[in-house]
Amino acid sequence: MSTAVVVMAIGIALVLALLGATLALAVFRIVRGPTILDRMIGSDMVLTTALVVIGAAMVIRQDLTGVPVLVVIAATSVFATVAVARAVTPSSEPSDEGRAAPTPEHATEEERS
């Protein structure tokens, strides 16, 4: 084997190990929580890691067949983040004057029903 092949194999192994660690830490953040925002950050990290893995595989294989998958994953991530941000942001309606919108974890029984 040539030196270039060995260096490339070591580089790929290192990148995969780091991406695996990133994925493990993101899943830990999703499971541990404790708020919906923590879980959203973790799920964004999982989706971003998936994007990087698919993109790296496309570079290594030198093909572009995974581009539609990348677009769908990125769009899903953006829409989910916007939905969660809208859900936890206080309302600007005049009838909600002075009230802070609680996150789902802190909602009272009256607000849940």
PDB file of N, CA and C in Angstrom:
ATOM      1  N   MET A   1       0.835  -1.187   0.000  1.00  0.00           N
ATOM      2  CA  MET A   1       0.000   0.000   0.000  1.00  0.00           C
ATOM      3  C   MET A   1       0.873   1.241   0.000  1.00  0.00           C
ATOM      4  N   SER A   2       0.376   2.247  -0.667  1.00  0.00           N
ATOM      5  CA  SER A   2       1.130   3.495  -0.710  1.00  0.00           C
ATOM      6  C   SER A   2       0.859   4.305   0.556  1.00  0.00           C
ATOM      7  N   THR A   3       1.700   5.271   0.784  1.00  0.00           N
ATOM      8  CA  THR A   3       1.590   6.113   1.968  1.00  0.00           C
ATOM      9  C   THR A   3       0.293   6.930   1.933  1.00  0.00           C
ATOM     10  N   ALA A   4      -0.089   7.364   0.745  1.00  0.00           N
ATOM     11  CA  ALA A   4      -1.301   8.176   0.620  1.00  0.00           C
ATOM     12  C   ALA A   4      -2.542   7.390   1.034  1.00  0.00           C
ATOM     13  N   VAL A   5      -2.603   6.117   0.685  1.00  0.00           N
ATOM     14  CA  VAL A   5      -3.751   5.286   1.039  1.00  0.00           C
ATOM     15  C   VAL A   5      -3.819   5.084   2.548  1.00  0.00           C
ATOM     16  N   VAL A   6      -2.677   4.876   3.167  1.00  0.00           N
ATOM     17  CA  VAL A   6      -2.626   4.687   4.619  1.00  0.00           C
ATOM     18  C   VAL A   6      -3.056   5.960   5.337  1.00  0.00           C
ATOM     19  N   VAL A   7      -2.566   7.100   4.870  1.00  0.00           N
ATOM     20  CA  VAL A   7      -2.928   8.378   5.496  1.00  0.00           C
ATOM     21  C   VAL A   7      -4.427   8.632   5.327  1.00  0.00           C
ATOM     22  N   MET A   8      -4.958   8.326   4.142  1.00  0.00           N
ATOM     23  CA  MET A   8      -6.387   8.509   3.903  1.00  0.00           C
ATOM     24  C   MET A   8      -7.213   7.590   4.802  1.00  0.00           C
ATOM     25  N   ALA A   9      -6.798   6.355   4.976  1.00  0.00           N
ATOM     26  CA  ALA A   9      -7.523   5.419   5.836  1.00  0.00           C
ATOM     27  C   ALA A   9      -7.507   5.883   7.286  1.00  0.00           C
ATOM     28  N   ILE A  10      -6.378   6.383   7.740  1.00  0.00           N
ATOM     29  CA  ILE A  10      -6.282   6.890   9.115  1.00  0.00           C
ATOM     30  C   ILE A  10      -7.171   8.122   9.279  1.00  0.00           C
ATOM     31  N   GLY A  11      -7.175   9.006   8.293  1.00  0.00           N
ATOM     32  CA  GLY A  11      -8.017  10.200   8.343  1.00  0.00           C
ATOM     33  C   GLY A  11      -9.494   9.850   8.387  1.00  0.00           C
ATOM     34  N   ILE A  12      -9.896   8.889   7.569  1.00  0.00           N
ATOM     35  CA  ILE A  12     -11.303   8.465   7.554  1.00  0.00           C
ATOM     36  C   ILE A  12     -11.683   7.847   8.895  1.00  0.00           C
ATOM     37  N   ALA A  13     -10.814   7.019   9.445  1.00  0.00           N
ATOM     38  CA  ALA A  13     -11.095   6.400  10.740  1.00  0.00           C
ATOM     39  C   ALA A  13     -11.213   7.453  11.839  1.00  0.00           C
ATOM     40  N   LEU A  14     -10.359   8.463  11.806  1.00  0.00           N
ATOM     41  CA  LEU A  14     -10.399   9.531  12.801  1.00  0.00           C
ATOM     42  C   LEU A  14     -11.694  10.337  12.682  1.00  0.00           C
ATOM     43  N   VAL A  15     -12.068  10.667  11.455  1.00  0.00           N
ATOM     44  CA  VAL A  15     -13.308  11.426  11.242  1.00  0.00           C
ATOM     45  C   VAL A  15     -14.513  10.617  11.710  1.00  0.00           C
ATOM     46  N   LEU A  16     -14.560   9.333  11.377  1.00  0.00           N
ATOM     47  CA  LEU A  16     -15.684   8.498  11.816  1.00  0.00           C
ATOM     48  C   LEU A  16     -15.746   8.387  13.334  1.00  0.00           C
ATOM     49  N   ALA A  17     -14.599   8.295  13.980  1.00  0.00           N
ATOM     50  CA  ALA A  17     -14.578   8.228  15.443  1.00  0.00           C
ATOM     51  C   ALA A  17     -15.112   9.531  16.055  1.00  0.00           C
ATOM     52  N   LEU A  18     -14.710  10.667  15.504  1.00  0.00           N
ATOM     53  CA  LEU A  18     -15.184  11.948  16.024  1.00  0.00           C
ATOM     54  C   LEU A  18     -16.682  12.145  15.760  1.00  0.00           C
ATOM     55  N   LEU A  19     -17.144  11.737  14.594  1.00  0.00           N
ATOM     56  CA  LEU A  19     -18.573  11.833  14.305  1.00  0.00           C
ATOM     57  C   LEU A  19     -19.387  10.894  15.194  1.00  0.00           C
ATOM     58  N   GLY A  20     -18.835   9.729  15.490  1.00  0.00           N
ATOM     59  CA  GLY A  20     -19.499   8.811  16.412  1.00  0.00           C
ATOM     60  C   GLY A  20     -19.603   9.394  17.811  1.00  0.00           C
ATOM     61  N   ALA A  21     -18.537  10.056  18.264  1.00  0.00           N
ATOM     62  CA  ALA A  21     -18.570  10.709  19.575  1.00  0.00           C
ATOM     63  C   ALA A  21     -19.594  11.835  19.591  1.00  0.00           C
ATOM     64  N   THR A  22     -19.648  12.606  18.510  1.00  0.00           N
ATOM     65  CA  THR A  22     -20.631  13.683  18.407  1.00  0.00           C
ATOM     66  C   THR A  22     -22.048  13.133  18.472  1.00  0.00           C
ATOM     67  N   LEU A  23     -22.275  12.061  17.748  1.00  0.00           N
ATOM     68  CA  LEU A  23     -23.601  11.446  17.742  1.00  0.00           C
ATOM     69  C   LEU A  23     -23.967  10.920  19.135  1.00  0.00           C
ATOM     70  N   ALA A  24     -23.032  10.289  19.804  1.00  0.00           N
ATOM     71  CA  ALA A  24     -23.297   9.770  21.150  1.00  0.00           C
ATOM     72  C   ALA A  24     -23.627  10.897  22.125  1.00  0.00           C
ATOM     73  N   LEU A  25     -22.879  11.993  22.063  1.00  0.00           N
ATOM     74  CA  LEU A  25     -23.151  13.124  22.952  1.00  0.00           C
ATOM     75  C   LEU A  25     -24.500  13.777  22.638  1.00  0.00           C
ATOM     76  N   ALA A  26     -24.858  13.845  21.365  1.00  0.00           N
ATOM     77  CA  ALA A  26     -26.152  14.428  20.989  1.00  0.00           C
ATOM     78  C   ALA A  26     -27.301  13.562  21.485  1.00  0.00           C
ATOM     79  N   VAL A  27     -27.178  12.261  21.339  1.00  0.00           N
ATOM     80  CA  VAL A  27     -28.229  11.355  21.834  1.00  0.00           C
ATOM     81  C   VAL A  27     -28.326  11.448  23.356  1.00  0.00           C
ATOM     82  N   PHE A  28     -27.195  11.585  24.021  1.00  0.00           N
ATOM     83  CA  PHE A  28     -27.191  11.771  25.472  1.00  0.00           C
ATOM     84  C   PHE A  28     -27.962  13.034  25.845  1.00  0.00           C
ATOM     85  N   ARG A  29     -27.765  14.119  25.090  1.00  0.00           N
ATOM     86  CA  ARG A  29     -28.476  15.376  25.363  1.00  0.00           C
ATOM     87  C   ARG A  29     -29.976  15.204  25.134  1.00  0.00           C
ATOM     88  N   ILE A  30     -30.361  14.432  24.128  1.00  0.00           N
ATOM     89  CA  ILE A  30     -31.781  14.199  23.868  1.00  0.00           C
ATOM     90  C   ILE A  30     -32.402  13.404  25.011  1.00  0.00           C
ATOM     91  N   VAL A  31     -31.736  12.374  25.451  1.00  0.00           N
ATOM     92  CA  VAL A  31     -32.272  11.508  26.509  1.00  0.00           C
ATOM     93  C   VAL A  31     -32.287  12.230  27.853  1.00  0.00           C
ATOM     94  N   ARG A  32     -31.236  12.955  28.148  1.00  0.00           N
ATOM     95  CA  ARG A  32     -31.096  13.601  29.447  1.00  0.00           C
ATOM     96  C   ARG A  32     -32.000  14.812  29.601  1.00  0.00           C
ATOM     97  N   GLY A  33     -32.197  15.578  28.533  1.00  0.00           N
ATOM     98  CA  GLY A  33     -33.060  16.750  28.596  1.00  0.00           C
ATOM     99  C   GLY A  33     -32.414  17.892  29.334  1.00  0.00           C
ATOM    100  N   PRO A  34     -33.003  18.509  30.288  1.00  0.00           N
ATOM    101  CA  PRO A  34     -34.318  18.278  30.868  1.00  0.00           C
ATOM    102  C   PRO A  34     -35.425  19.083  30.179  1.00  0.00           C
ATOM    103  N   THR A  35     -35.091  20.048  29.329  1.00  0.00           N
ATOM    104  CA  THR A  35     -36.136  20.856  28.699  1.00  0.00           C
ATOM    105  C   THR A  35     -36.277  20.480  27.230  1.00  0.00           C
ATOM    106  N   ILE A  36     -37.347  20.964  26.644  1.00  0.00           N
ATOM    107  CA  ILE A  36     -37.576  20.698  25.227  1.00  0.00           C
ATOM    108  C   ILE A  36     -36.511  21.382  24.369  1.00  0.00           C
ATOM    109  N   LEU A  37     -35.988  22.500  24.835  1.00  0.00           N
ATOM    110  CA  LEU A  37     -34.940  23.188  24.076  1.00  0.00           C
ATOM    111  C   LEU A  37     -33.646  22.365  24.051  1.00  0.00           C
ATOM    112  N   ASP A  38     -33.308  21.722  25.165  1.00  0.00           N
ATOM    113  CA  ASP A  38     -32.143  20.835  25.191  1.00  0.00           C
ATOM    114  C   ASP A  38     -32.330  19.686  24.211  1.00  0.00           C
ATOM    115  N   ARG A  39     -33.514  19.136  24.197  1.00  0.00           N
ATOM    116  CA  ARG A  39     -33.796  18.019  23.286  1.00  0.00           C
ATOM    117  C   ARG A  39     -33.756  18.474  21.831  1.00  0.00           C
ATOM    118  N   MET A  40     -34.207  19.693  21.572  1.00  0.00           N
ATOM    119  CA  MET A  40     -34.165  20.213  20.205  1.00  0.00           C
ATOM    120  C   MET A  40     -32.727  20.427  19.755  1.00  0.00           C
ATOM    121  N   ILE A  41     -31.886  20.928  20.620  1.00  0.00           N
ATOM    122  CA  ILE A  41     -30.477  21.101  20.278  1.00  0.00           C
ATOM    123  C   ILE A  41     -29.848  19.747  19.981  1.00  0.00           C
ATOM    124  N   GLY A  42     -30.163  18.748  20.795  1.00  0.00           N
ATOM    125  CA  GLY A  42     -29.638  17.406  20.556  1.00  0.00           C
ATOM    126  C   GLY A  42     -30.102  16.825  19.233  1.00  0.00           C
ATOM    127  N   SER A  43     -31.383  17.020  18.906  1.00  0.00           N
ATOM    128  CA  SER A  43     -31.879  16.478  17.638  1.00  0.00           C
ATOM    129  C   SER A  43     -31.285  17.237  16.451  1.00  0.00           C
ATOM    130  N   ASP A  44     -31.052  18.538  16.611  1.00  0.00           N
ATOM    131  CA  ASP A  44     -30.365  19.282  15.554  1.00  0.00           C
ATOM    132  C   ASP A  44     -28.949  18.753  15.346  1.00  0.00           C
ATOM    133  N   MET A  45     -28.286  18.425  16.433  1.00  0.00           N
ATOM    134  CA  MET A  45     -26.928  17.863  16.311  1.00  0.00           C
ATOM    135  C   MET A  45     -26.948  16.499  15.629  1.00  0.00           C
ATOM    136  N   VAL A  46     -27.944  15.678  15.944  1.00  0.00           N
ATOM    137  CA  VAL A  46     -28.050  14.363  15.292  1.00  0.00           C
ATOM    138  C   VAL A  46     -28.264  14.542  13.797  1.00  0.00           C
ATOM    139  N   LEU A  47     -29.172  15.433  13.422  1.00  0.00           N
ATOM    140  CA  LEU A  47     -29.434  15.651  12.003  1.00  0.00           C
ATOM    141  C   LEU A  47     -28.228  16.267  11.295  1.00  0.00           C
ATOM    142  N   THR A  48     -27.533  17.183  11.955  1.00  0.00           N
ATOM    143  CA  THR A  48     -26.339  17.770  11.357  1.00  0.00           C
ATOM    144  C   THR A  48     -25.244  16.731  11.196  1.00  0.00           C
ATOM    145  N   THR A  49     -25.092  15.861  12.163  1.00  0.00           N
ATOM    146  CA  THR A  49     -24.103  14.782  12.056  1.00  0.00           C
ATOM    147  C   THR A  49     -24.463  13.853  10.902  1.00  0.00           C
ATOM    148  N   ALA A  50     -25.743  13.563  10.749  1.00  0.00           N
ATOM    149  CA  ALA A  50     -26.167  12.729   9.618  1.00  0.00           C
ATOM    150  C   ALA A  50     -25.842  13.411   8.296  1.00  0.00           C
ATOM    151  N   LEU A  51     -26.052  14.724   8.237  1.00  0.00           N
ATOM    152  CA  LEU A  51     -25.704  15.467   7.028  1.00  0.00           C
ATOM    153  C   LEU A  51     -24.214  15.367   6.717  1.00  0.00           C
ATOM    154  N   VAL A  52     -23.394  15.512   7.735  1.00  0.00           N
ATOM    155  CA  VAL A  52     -21.946  15.453   7.536  1.00  0.00           C
ATOM    156  C   VAL A  52     -21.519  14.052   7.095  1.00  0.00           C
ATOM    157  N   VAL A  53     -22.090  13.015   7.698  1.00  0.00           N
ATOM    158  CA  VAL A  53     -21.739  11.647   7.329  1.00  0.00           C
ATOM    159  C   VAL A  53     -22.127  11.363   5.875  1.00  0.00           C
ATOM    160  N   ILE A  54     -23.330  11.760   5.493  1.00  0.00           N
ATOM    161  CA  ILE A  54     -23.768  11.534   4.111  1.00  0.00           C
ATOM    162  C   ILE A  54     -22.912  12.349   3.150  1.00  0.00           C
ATOM    163  N   GLY A  55     -22.616  13.595   3.506  1.00  0.00           N
ATOM    164  CA  GLY A  55     -21.764  14.429   2.659  1.00  0.00           C
ATOM    165  C   GLY A  55     -20.365  13.849   2.515  1.00  0.00           C
ATOM    166  N   ALA A  56     -19.796  13.352   3.617  1.00  0.00           N
ATOM    167  CA  ALA A  56     -18.466  12.742   3.547  1.00  0.00           C
ATOM    168  C   ALA A  56     -18.486  11.481   2.692  1.00  0.00           C
ATOM    169  N   ALA A  57     -19.536  10.687   2.815  1.00  0.00           N
ATOM    170  CA  ALA A  57     -19.645   9.489   1.979  1.00  0.00           C
ATOM    171  C   ALA A  57     -19.756   9.858   0.502  1.00  0.00           C
ATOM    172  N   MET A  58     -20.466  10.949   0.218  1.00  0.00           N
ATOM    173  CA  MET A  58     -20.573  11.390  -1.174  1.00  0.00           C
ATOM    174  C   MET A  58     -19.213  11.841  -1.715  1.00  0.00           C
ATOM    175  N   VAL A  59     -18.431  12.503  -0.880  1.00  0.00           N
ATOM    176  CA  VAL A  59     -17.099  12.947  -1.312  1.00  0.00           C
ATOM    177  C   VAL A  59     -16.188  11.749  -1.551  1.00  0.00           C
ATOM    178  N   ILE A  60     -16.225  10.784  -0.634  1.00  0.00           N
ATOM    179  CA  ILE A  60     -15.364   9.611  -0.775  1.00  0.00           C
ATOM    180  C   ILE A  60     -15.732   8.808  -2.012  1.00  0.00           C
ATOM    181  N   ARG A  61     -17.039   8.638  -2.256  1.00  0.00           N
ATOM    182  CA  ARG A  61     -17.485   7.858  -3.420  1.00  0.00           C
ATOM    183  C   ARG A  61     -17.487   8.674  -4.705  1.00  0.00           C
ATOM    184  N   GLN A  62     -17.391   9.993  -4.589  1.00  0.00           N
ATOM    185  CA  GLN A  62     -17.398  10.918  -5.725  1.00  0.00           C
ATOM    186  C   GLN A  62     -18.668  10.799  -6.563  1.00  0.00           C
ATOM    187  N   ASP A  63     -19.807  10.846  -5.893  1.00  0.00           N
ATOM    188  CA  ASP A  63     -21.088  10.885  -6.597  1.00  0.00           C
ATOM    189  C   ASP A  63     -22.023  11.866  -5.889  1.00  0.00           C
ATOM    190  N   LEU A  64     -23.081  12.239  -6.573  1.00  0.00           N
ATOM    191  CA  LEU A  64     -23.999  13.238  -6.035  1.00  0.00           C
ATOM    192  C   LEU A  64     -25.401  12.677  -5.793  1.00  0.00           C
ATOM    193  N   THR A  65     -25.518  11.371  -5.681  1.00  0.00           N
ATOM    194  CA  THR A  65     -26.849  10.779  -5.531  1.00  0.00           C
ATOM    195  C   THR A  65     -27.485  11.075  -4.180  1.00  0.00           C
ATOM    196  N   GLY A  66     -26.723  11.496  -3.200  1.00  0.00           N
ATOM    197  CA  GLY A  66     -27.267  11.770  -1.871  1.00  0.00           C
ATOM    198  C   GLY A  66     -27.742  13.194  -1.668  1.00  0.00           C
ATOM    199  N   VAL A  67     -27.639  14.046  -2.684  1.00  0.00           N
ATOM    200  CA  VAL A  67     -28.027  15.451  -2.524  1.00  0.00           C
ATOM    201  C   VAL A  67     -29.509  15.602  -2.150  1.00  0.00           C
ATOM    202  N   PRO A  68     -30.446  14.891  -2.775  1.00  0.00           N
ATOM    203  CA  PRO A  68     -31.850  15.029  -2.350  1.00  0.00           C
ATOM    204  C   PRO A  68     -32.068  14.640  -0.886  1.00  0.00           C
ATOM    205  N   VAL A  69     -31.352  13.644  -0.423  1.00  0.00           N
ATOM    206  CA  VAL A  69     -31.461  13.237   0.983  1.00  0.00           C
ATOM    207  C   VAL A  69     -30.951  14.354   1.889  1.00  0.00           C
ATOM    208  N   LEU A  70     -29.847  14.984   1.500  1.00  0.00           N
ATOM    209  CA  LEU A  70     -29.310  16.096   2.285  1.00  0.00           C
ATOM    210  C   LEU A  70     -30.308  17.247   2.358  1.00  0.00           C
ATOM    211  N   VAL A  71     -30.963  17.542   1.260  1.00  0.00           N
ATOM    212  CA  VAL A  71     -31.936  18.636   1.231  1.00  0.00           C
ATOM    213  C   VAL A  71     -33.122  18.323   2.143  1.00  0.00           C
ATOM    214  N   VAL A  72     -33.613  17.103   2.103  1.00  0.00           N
ATOM    215  CA  VAL A  72     -34.767  16.725   2.934  1.00  0.00           C
ATOM    216  C   VAL A  72     -34.395  16.763   4.416  1.00  0.00           C
ATOM    217  N   ILE A  73     -33.234  16.243   4.764  1.00  0.00           N
ATOM    218  CA  ILE A  73     -32.810  16.259   6.172  1.00  0.00           C
ATOM    219  C   ILE A  73     -32.621  17.696   6.656  1.00  0.00           C
ATOM    220  N   ALA A  74     -32.002  18.538   5.849  1.00  0.00           N
ATOM    221  CA  ALA A  74     -31.787  19.938   6.238  1.00  0.00           C
ATOM    222  C   ALA A  74     -33.112  20.666   6.400  1.00  0.00           C
ATOM    223  N   ALA A  75     -34.051  20.452   5.476  1.00  0.00           N
ATOM    224  CA  ALA A  75     -35.355  21.111   5.573  1.00  0.00           C
ATOM    225  C   ALA A  75     -36.111  20.643   6.812  1.00  0.00           C
ATOM    226  N   THR A  76     -36.061  19.350   7.093  1.00  0.00           N
ATOM    227  CA  THR A  76     -36.716  18.815   8.283  1.00  0.00           C
ATOM    228  C   THR A  76     -36.146  19.447   9.544  1.00  0.00           C
ATOM    229  N   SER A  77     -34.846  19.577   9.596  1.00  0.00           N
ATOM    230  CA  SER A  77     -34.191  20.169  10.755  1.00  0.00           C
ATOM    231  C   SER A  77     -34.610  21.623  10.944  1.00  0.00           C
ATOM    232  N   VAL A  78     -34.631  22.378   9.865  1.00  0.00           N
ATOM    233  CA  VAL A  78     -35.006  23.792   9.956  1.00  0.00           C
ATOM    234  C   VAL A  78     -36.460  23.940  10.395  1.00  0.00           C
ATOM    235  N   PHE A  79     -37.366  23.189   9.777  1.00  0.00           N
ATOM    236  CA  PHE A  79     -38.783  23.313  10.121  1.00  0.00           C
ATOM    237  C   PHE A  79     -39.045  22.874  11.562  1.00  0.00           C
ATOM    238  N   ALA A  80     -38.380  21.840  12.020  1.00  0.00           N
ATOM    239  CA  ALA A  80     -38.564  21.388  13.403  1.00  0.00           C
ATOM    240  C   ALA A  80     -38.056  22.433  14.386  1.00  0.00           C
ATOM    241  N   THR A  81     -36.925  23.030  14.084  1.00  0.00           N
ATOM    242  CA  THR A  81     -36.375  24.056  14.962  1.00  0.00           C
ATOM    243  C   THR A  81     -37.295  25.270  15.033  1.00  0.00           C
ATOM    244  N   VAL A  82     -37.818  25.682  13.901  1.00  0.00           N
ATOM    245  CA  VAL A  82     -38.739  26.820  13.877  1.00  0.00           C
ATOM    246  C   VAL A  82     -40.014  26.492  14.650  1.00  0.00           C
ATOM    247  N   ALA A  83     -40.531  25.283  14.503  1.00  0.00           N
ATOM    248  CA  ALA A  83     -41.749  24.892  15.208  1.00  0.00           C
ATOM    249  C   ALA A  83     -41.541  24.910  16.718  1.00  0.00           C
ATOM    250  N   VAL A  84     -40.432  24.390  17.183  1.00  0.00           N
ATOM    251  CA  VAL A  84     -40.160  24.387  18.625  1.00  0.00           C
ATOM    252  C   VAL A  84     -39.941  25.810  19.119  1.00  0.00           C
ATOM    253  N   ALA A  85     -39.235  26.622  18.346  1.00  0.00           N
ATOM    254  CA  ALA A  85     -38.994  28.006  18.755  1.00  0.00           C
ATOM    255  C   ALA A  85     -40.312  28.773  18.870  1.00  0.00           C
ATOM    256  N   ARG A  86     -41.225  28.537  17.949  1.00  0.00           N
ATOM    257  CA  ARG A  86     -42.527  29.209  18.016  1.00  0.00           C
ATOM    258  C   ARG A  86     -43.345  28.700  19.196  1.00  0.00           C
ATOM    259  N   ALA A  87     -43.176  27.443  19.533  1.00  0.00           N
ATOM    260  CA  ALA A  87     -43.954  26.871  20.635  1.00  0.00           C
ATOM    261  C   ALA A  87     -43.509  27.401  21.994  1.00  0.00           C
ATOM    262  N   VAL A  88     -42.255  27.724  22.147  1.00  0.00           N
ATOM    263  CA  VAL A  88     -41.765  28.155  23.456  1.00  0.00           C
ATOM    264  C   VAL A  88     -41.593  29.664  23.569  1.00  0.00           C
ATOM    265  N   THR A  89     -41.834  30.396  22.486  1.00  0.00           N
ATOM    266  CA  THR A  89     -41.715  31.854  22.518  1.00  0.00           C
ATOM    267  C   THR A  89     -42.992  32.461  23.074  1.00  0.00           C
ATOM    268  N   PRO A  90     -42.870  33.438  23.957  1.00  0.00           N
ATOM    269  CA  PRO A  90     -44.070  34.089  24.497  1.00  0.00           C
ATOM    270  C   PRO A  90     -44.884  34.747  23.384  1.00  0.00           C
ATOM    271  N   SER A  91     -46.178  34.747  23.573  1.00  0.00           N
ATOM    272  CA  SER A  91     -47.090  35.328  22.593  1.00  0.00           C
ATOM    273  C   SER A  91     -47.031  36.849  22.656  1.00  0.00           C
ATOM    274  N   SER A  92     -47.299  37.506  21.528  1.00  0.00           N
ATOM    275  CA  SER A  92     -47.323  38.972  21.497  1.00  0.00           C
ATOM    276  C   SER A  92     -48.753  39.507  21.459  1.00  0.00           C
ATOM    277  N   GLU A  93     -49.728  38.645  21.757  1.00  0.00           N
ATOM    278  CA  GLU A  93     -51.123  39.072  21.758  1.00  0.00           C
ATOM    279  C   GLU A  93     -51.398  39.977  22.965  1.00  0.00           C
ATOM    280  N   PRO A  94     -52.212  41.013  22.778  1.00  0.00           N
ATOM    281  CA  PRO A  94     -52.531  41.916  23.905  1.00  0.00           C
ATOM    282  C   PRO A  94     -53.224  41.199  25.061  1.00  0.00           C
ATOM    283  N   SER A  95     -53.970  40.136  24.784  1.00  0.00           N
ATOM    284  CA  SER A  95     -54.682  39.438  25.856  1.00  0.00           C
ATOM    285  C   SER A  95     -53.723  38.686  26.777  1.00  0.00           C
ATOM    286  N   ASP A  96     -52.491  38.459  26.324  1.00  0.00           N
ATOM    287  CA  ASP A  96     -51.488  37.771  27.147  1.00  0.00           C
ATOM    288  C   ASP A  96     -50.610  38.760  27.905  1.00  0.00           C
ATOM    289  N   GLU A  97     -51.127  39.938  28.136  1.00  0.00           N
ATOM    290  CA  GLU A  97     -50.361  41.020  28.726  1.00  0.00           C
ATOM    291  C   GLU A  97     -49.701  40.613  30.046  1.00  0.00           C
ATOM    292  N   GLY A  98     -48.387  40.705  30.068  1.00  0.00           N
ATOM    293  CA  GLY A  98     -47.634  40.436  31.277  1.00  0.00           C
ATOM    294  C   GLY A  98     -47.421  38.977  31.598  1.00  0.00           C
ATOM    295  N   ARG A  99     -47.979  38.071  30.815  1.00  0.00           N
ATOM    296  CA  ARG A  99     -47.807  36.642  31.103  1.00  0.00           C
ATOM    297  C   ARG A  99     -46.683  36.077  30.260  1.00  0.00           C
ATOM    298  N   ALA A 100     -45.882  35.285  30.864  1.00  0.00           N
ATOM    299  CA  ALA A 100     -44.831  34.594  30.119  1.00  0.00           C
ATOM    300  C   ALA A 100     -45.374  33.237  29.695  1.00  0.00           C
ATOM    301  N   ALA A 101     -45.100  32.859  28.464  1.00  0.00           N
ATOM    302  CA  ALA A 101     -45.562  31.556  27.981  1.00  0.00           C
ATOM    303  C   ALA A 101     -44.670  30.471  28.556  1.00  0.00           C
ATOM    304  N   PRO A 102     -45.260  29.519  29.281  1.00  0.00           N
ATOM    305  CA  PRO A 102     -44.446  28.456  29.872  1.00  0.00           C
ATOM    306  C   PRO A 102     -44.058  27.423  28.825  1.00  0.00           C
ATOM    307  N   THR A 103     -42.945  26.769  29.061  1.00  0.00           N
ATOM    308  CA  THR A 103     -42.588  25.642  28.214  1.00  0.00           C
ATOM    309  C   THR A 103     -43.493  24.477  28.586  1.00  0.00           C
ATOM    310  N   PRO A 104     -43.652  23.491  27.712  1.00  0.00           N
ATOM    311  CA  PRO A 104     -44.552  22.369  28.021  1.00  0.00           C
ATOM    312  C   PRO A 104     -44.218  21.664  29.331  1.00  0.00           C
ATOM    313  N   GLU A 105     -42.939  21.658  29.714  1.00  0.00           N
ATOM    314  CA  GLU A 105     -42.556  20.992  30.959  1.00  0.00           C
ATOM    315  C   GLU A 105     -43.096  21.731  32.190  1.00  0.00           C
ATOM    316  N   HIS A 106     -43.293  23.058  32.052  1.00  0.00           N
ATOM    317  CA  HIS A 106     -43.715  23.868  33.195  1.00  0.00           C
ATOM    318  C   HIS A 106     -45.165  24.324  33.102  1.00  0.00           C
ATOM    319  N   ALA A 107     -45.904  23.835  32.150  1.00  0.00           N
ATOM    320  CA  ALA A 107     -47.297  24.226  32.000  1.00  0.00           C
ATOM    321  C   ALA A 107     -48.124  23.666  33.160  1.00  0.00           C
ATOM    322  N   THR A 108     -49.097  24.436  33.575  1.00  0.00           N
ATOM    323  CA  THR A 108     -49.968  23.964  34.645  1.00  0.00           C
ATOM    324  C   THR A 108     -51.023  23.046  34.058  1.00  0.00           C
ATOM    325  N   GLU A 109     -51.713  22.339  34.913  1.00  0.00           N
ATOM    326  CA  GLU A 109     -52.767  21.425  34.466  1.00  0.00           C
ATOM    327  C   GLU A 109     -53.844  22.173  33.709  1.00  0.00           C
ATOM    328  N   GLU A 110     -54.174  23.387  34.143  1.00  0.00           N
ATOM    329  CA  GLU A 110     -55.209  24.189  33.482  1.00  0.00           C
ATOM    330  C   GLU A 110     -54.802  24.545  32.053  1.00  0.00           C
ATOM    331  N   GLU A 111     -53.518  24.858  31.838  1.00  0.00           N
ATOM    332  CA  GLU A 111     -53.030  25.231  30.510  1.00  0.00           C
ATOM    333  C   GLU A 111     -52.930  24.023  29.584  1.00  0.00           C
ATOM    334  N   ARG A 112     -52.733  22.840  30.127  1.00  0.00           N
ATOM    335  CA  ARG A 112     -52.595  21.637  29.310  1.00  0.00           C
ATOM    336  C   ARG A 112     -53.931  21.188  28.718  1.00  0.00           C
ATOM    337  N   SER A 113     -55.034  21.484  29.414  1.00  0.00           N
ATOM    338  CA  SER A 113     -56.338  21.007  28.929  1.00  0.00           C
ATOM    339  C   SER A 113     -57.041  22.026  28.079  1.00  0.00           C
TER     340      SER A 113
END
